[in-house]
Amino acid sequence: MTQYAPKPPIVVGKYGLTNSSQLPESVRAVYGKLIDAQVPKIEAILDEHEAASNALRTDGSLTPAGKRERAAELRDEAGKKLRAELANPRLEQDLKRTQQSVPQDLPEDNGPNAELRAIETRRRLLAKEPEDRSSSLKMLGRNGNVAAVHAALNDPLGEVVPAHQRDELRATALRAASPDRFAAAEVVEQAIRAYRGNVEMAARKIGAELDDKIADQAGPAK
């Protein structure tokens, strides 16, 4: 389970961007400095936009229509600068590396008498009442018993695992069997959400569009 920092969150500056003090300890230890280095960059973009907007309000050389047009240009200029801050090469590389390390499929039991063990596993599970069988399957998944889960999921008749339980059972067993790899991927994903979240918050504050933002690749590890 992710351990969160014991101290309360600290809001950085007047824009309320996320800094390392608001991150879980596991994320702060690896990416705290990177997040903290991003904050002043975004604050500088917002400060520049705010100064230009304030100057525009008192500019007597422009008509109201001209001011609206210039205000839109200022938002677009700030939005372009913010889009450049959406992606970070280190985070992208770490995300790719950790996601590649996360197992996608349950390994088969290739040991002696593997098929006999699989048949026996399915037989014992089918002997249970549906509710008890469901509980047993969940326990096998939580315990990371990949051989038993693989046997259950690969029942030729499809009777052991209900269709609605198959994906959850596979994901639970994979995670339980490789907790460190999933945890490493989740650390990167949380850092990316914080990093991108700062940019998206800044864009909302000034009404800028982030139409070129990268795809949401920081979803939960499967």
Protein backbone atom coordinates (compact mmCIF):
# COMPACT_ATOMS: atom_id res chain seq x y z
CA MET A 1 0.00 0.00 0.00
CA THR A 2 1.26 3.46 -0.89
CA GLN A 3 2.48 5.38 2.14
CA TYR A 4 1.49 9.03 2.25
CA ALA A 5 3.52 11.77 3.85
CA PRO A 6 2.52 12.40 7.47
CA LYS A 7 2.74 16.18 7.20
CA PRO A 8 -0.19 18.19 5.80
CA PRO A 9 -0.14 19.43 2.19
CA ILE A 10 1.54 22.74 1.50
CA VAL A 11 0.18 24.98 -1.24
CA VAL A 12 2.97 26.53 -3.26
CA GLY A 13 2.65 30.16 -4.31
CA LYS A 14 -0.44 32.06 -5.32
CA TYR A 15 -1.48 29.57 -8.00
CA GLY A 16 -1.82 26.52 -5.75
CA LEU A 17 0.28 24.19 -7.86
CA THR A 18 1.27 20.78 -6.52
CA ASN A 19 4.76 20.51 -5.08
CA SER A 20 6.66 17.60 -3.60
CA SER A 21 5.21 18.06 -0.12
CA GLN A 22 1.80 16.98 -1.43
CA LEU A 23 3.05 13.76 -3.02
CA PRO A 24 3.07 10.30 -1.44
CA GLU A 25 6.43 9.56 0.15
CA SER A 26 7.19 6.88 -2.45
CA VAL A 27 6.69 9.41 -5.26
CA ARG A 28 8.43 12.29 -3.50
CA ALA A 29 11.56 10.20 -2.91
CA VAL A 30 12.01 9.61 -6.64
CA TYR A 31 10.39 12.57 -8.36
CA GLY A 32 10.06 15.31 -5.75
CA LYS A 33 12.87 17.43 -7.17
CA LEU A 34 11.52 17.08 -10.69
CA ILE A 35 8.05 18.26 -9.65
CA ASP A 36 9.48 21.14 -7.60
CA ALA A 37 11.58 22.24 -10.58
CA GLN A 38 8.45 22.39 -12.75
CA VAL A 39 6.48 24.67 -10.43
CA PRO A 40 8.48 27.89 -10.98
CA LYS A 41 8.40 27.37 -14.75
CA ILE A 42 4.61 27.28 -14.76
CA GLU A 43 4.38 30.14 -12.29
CA ALA A 44 6.57 32.24 -14.61
CA ILE A 45 4.20 31.55 -17.52
CA LEU A 46 1.20 32.55 -15.41
CA ASP A 47 2.96 35.64 -14.07
CA GLU A 48 3.83 36.73 -17.59
CA HIS A 49 0.25 36.20 -18.76
CA GLU A 50 -1.15 38.06 -15.75
CA ALA A 51 1.18 41.03 -16.34
CA ALA A 52 0.29 41.20 -20.04
CA SER A 53 -3.43 40.92 -19.26
CA ASN A 54 -3.24 43.72 -16.68
CA ALA A 55 -1.41 45.94 -19.15
CA LEU A 56 -4.04 45.19 -21.78
CA ARG A 57 -6.86 46.32 -19.50
CA THR A 58 -5.36 49.81 -19.18
CA ASP A 59 -4.32 50.09 -22.83
CA GLY A 60 -6.24 53.04 -24.23
CA SER A 61 -5.06 52.50 -27.80
CA LEU A 62 -7.30 49.50 -28.42
CA THR A 63 -11.04 49.27 -28.91
CA PRO A 64 -13.03 46.75 -26.82
CA ALA A 65 -13.04 44.42 -29.80
CA GLY A 66 -9.30 44.86 -30.19
CA LYS A 67 -8.76 44.07 -26.53
CA ARG A 68 -10.80 40.89 -26.81
CA GLU A 69 -8.76 39.82 -29.81
CA ARG A 70 -5.50 40.55 -28.04
CA ALA A 71 -6.70 38.74 -24.91
CA ALA A 72 -7.36 35.65 -27.02
CA GLU A 73 -3.86 35.93 -28.48
CA LEU A 74 -2.38 36.13 -24.98
CA ARG A 75 -4.24 32.98 -23.94
CA ASP A 76 -3.02 31.17 -27.03
CA GLU A 77 0.57 32.25 -26.40
CA ALA A 78 0.42 31.09 -22.79
CA GLY A 79 -1.29 27.86 -23.83
CA LYS A 80 1.51 27.10 -26.27
CA LYS A 81 4.09 27.57 -23.53
CA LEU A 82 2.10 25.37 -21.16
CA ARG A 83 1.76 22.60 -23.74
CA ALA A 84 5.53 22.46 -23.89
CA GLU A 85 5.50 21.59 -20.17
CA LEU A 86 3.02 18.71 -20.42
CA ALA A 87 5.53 15.97 -21.15
CA ASN A 88 8.79 15.24 -19.41
CA PRO A 89 11.35 12.94 -21.11
CA ARG A 90 12.43 11.29 -17.88
CA LEU A 91 8.86 10.52 -16.83
CA GLU A 92 7.99 9.18 -20.28
CA GLN A 93 11.05 6.94 -20.33
CA ASP A 94 10.41 5.68 -16.80
CA LEU A 95 6.75 5.01 -17.59
CA LYS A 96 7.68 2.97 -20.67
CA ARG A 97 10.32 1.04 -18.75
CA THR A 98 8.13 0.21 -15.75
CA GLN A 99 5.07 -0.67 -17.81
CA GLN A 100 7.16 -3.02 -19.94
CA SER A 101 8.35 -4.74 -16.78
CA VAL A 102 4.79 -5.38 -15.57
CA PRO A 103 3.68 -8.90 -16.58
CA GLN A 104 0.69 -8.97 -18.91
CA ASP A 105 -0.08 -12.68 -18.84
CA LEU A 106 -0.03 -15.40 -16.22
CA PRO A 107 2.87 -17.84 -16.74
CA GLU A 108 1.97 -21.42 -17.48
CA ASP A 109 2.95 -24.24 -15.16
CA ASN A 110 5.41 -26.22 -17.25
CA GLY A 111 6.62 -28.46 -14.47
CA PRO A 112 6.19 -32.24 -14.24
CA ASN A 113 2.54 -33.32 -14.13
CA ALA A 114 1.41 -29.73 -14.72
CA GLU A 115 -1.73 -30.78 -16.58
CA LEU A 116 -2.70 -33.22 -13.82
CA ARG A 117 -2.33 -30.43 -11.23
CA ALA A 118 -4.44 -28.12 -13.37
CA ILE A 119 -7.17 -30.76 -13.70
CA GLU A 120 -7.15 -31.35 -9.95
CA THR A 121 -7.33 -27.62 -9.25
CA ARG A 122 -10.36 -27.26 -11.50
CA ARG A 123 -11.98 -30.34 -10.00
CA ARG A 124 -11.66 -28.99 -6.45
CA LEU A 125 -13.04 -25.61 -7.43
CA LEU A 126 -15.97 -27.07 -9.34
CA ALA A 127 -16.86 -29.17 -6.30
CA LYS A 128 -17.62 -25.98 -4.36
CA GLU A 129 -20.85 -24.02 -4.32
CA PRO A 130 -20.70 -20.96 -6.62
CA GLU A 131 -20.34 -18.50 -3.73
CA ASP A 132 -17.59 -20.54 -2.06
CA ARG A 133 -15.87 -21.04 -5.40
CA SER A 134 -15.90 -17.30 -6.03
CA SER A 135 -14.35 -16.69 -2.60
CA SER A 136 -11.70 -19.34 -3.24
CA LEU A 137 -10.83 -17.80 -6.59
CA LYS A 138 -10.44 -14.37 -5.02
CA MET A 139 -8.14 -15.82 -2.35
CA LEU A 140 -6.03 -17.59 -4.98
CA GLY A 141 -5.68 -14.30 -6.82
CA ARG A 142 -4.79 -12.28 -3.71
CA ASN A 143 -2.19 -14.89 -2.77
CA GLY A 144 -0.59 -14.70 -6.20
CA ASN A 145 -1.12 -18.39 -6.86
CA VAL A 146 -0.62 -17.97 -10.59
CA ALA A 147 -0.54 -21.68 -11.38
CA ALA A 148 -3.95 -22.28 -9.81
CA VAL A 149 -5.42 -19.12 -11.32
CA HIS A 150 -4.04 -20.04 -14.74
CA ALA A 151 -5.59 -23.51 -14.43
CA ALA A 152 -8.94 -22.03 -13.44
CA LEU A 153 -8.97 -19.48 -16.23
CA ASN A 154 -8.00 -22.06 -18.82
CA ASP A 155 -10.79 -24.49 -18.03
CA PRO A 156 -11.68 -25.98 -21.45
CA LEU A 157 -15.39 -25.77 -20.67
CA GLY A 158 -15.25 -22.32 -19.11
CA GLU A 159 -17.15 -23.46 -16.03
CA VAL A 160 -14.71 -22.62 -13.24
CA VAL A 161 -14.52 -18.83 -13.46
CA PRO A 162 -17.63 -16.76 -14.23
CA ALA A 163 -17.18 -14.39 -17.16
CA HIS A 164 -17.63 -11.29 -14.99
CA GLN A 165 -14.81 -12.40 -12.67
CA ARG A 166 -12.15 -13.37 -15.20
CA ASP A 167 -10.47 -10.00 -15.81
CA GLU A 168 -10.41 -9.06 -12.13
CA LEU A 169 -9.02 -12.45 -11.13
CA ARG A 170 -6.23 -12.27 -13.73
CA ALA A 171 -5.31 -8.70 -12.73
CA THR A 172 -5.32 -9.51 -9.00
CA ALA A 173 -3.10 -12.56 -9.46
CA LEU A 174 -0.64 -10.67 -11.66
CA ARG A 175 -0.37 -7.85 -9.16
CA ALA A 176 0.04 -10.18 -6.19
CA ALA A 177 2.72 -12.18 -7.98
CA SER A 178 4.76 -9.10 -8.96
CA PRO A 179 3.96 -6.39 -6.38
CA ASP A 180 7.25 -4.51 -6.73
CA ARG A 181 6.90 -4.11 -10.48
CA PHE A 182 3.34 -2.81 -10.21
CA ALA A 183 4.32 -0.47 -7.38
CA ALA A 184 7.16 0.98 -9.47
CA ALA A 185 4.79 1.62 -12.37
CA GLU A 186 2.27 3.28 -10.07
CA VAL A 187 4.92 5.62 -8.66
CA VAL A 188 5.68 6.88 -12.17
CA GLU A 189 1.98 7.18 -13.00
CA GLN A 190 1.31 9.27 -9.89
CA ALA A 191 4.24 11.54 -10.74
CA ILE A 192 2.92 12.03 -14.26
CA ARG A 193 -0.55 12.88 -12.97
CA ALA A 194 0.96 15.51 -10.66
CA TYR A 195 3.20 16.89 -13.41
CA ARG A 196 0.44 17.12 -15.97
CA GLY A 197 -2.07 18.22 -13.35
CA ASN A 198 -0.06 21.36 -12.70
CA VAL A 199 -0.11 22.26 -16.38
CA GLU A 200 -3.81 21.56 -16.73
CA MET A 201 -4.62 23.60 -13.62
CA ALA A 202 -2.62 26.53 -14.99
CA ALA A 203 -4.43 26.29 -18.32
CA ARG A 204 -7.83 26.36 -16.60
CA LYS A 205 -6.87 29.45 -14.61
CA ILE A 206 -6.28 31.49 -17.79
CA GLY A 207 -8.80 29.73 -20.04
CA ALA A 208 -6.14 28.33 -22.36
CA GLU A 209 -6.70 25.25 -24.49
CA LEU A 210 -4.34 22.29 -24.29
CA ASP A 211 -5.49 20.76 -27.56
CA ASP A 212 -2.08 19.21 -28.25
CA LYS A 213 -1.68 17.50 -24.90
CA ILE A 214 -0.32 13.99 -24.89
CA ALA A 215 -2.58 10.98 -24.59
CA ASP A 216 -3.48 9.91 -21.10
CA GLN A 217 -0.86 7.22 -20.68
CA ALA A 218 -0.80 7.45 -16.92
CA GLY A 219 -3.72 5.26 -16.27
CA PRO A 220 -3.64 2.57 -13.62
CA ALA A 221 -1.29 -0.34 -14.23
CA LYS A 222 -3.14 -3.43 -15.25
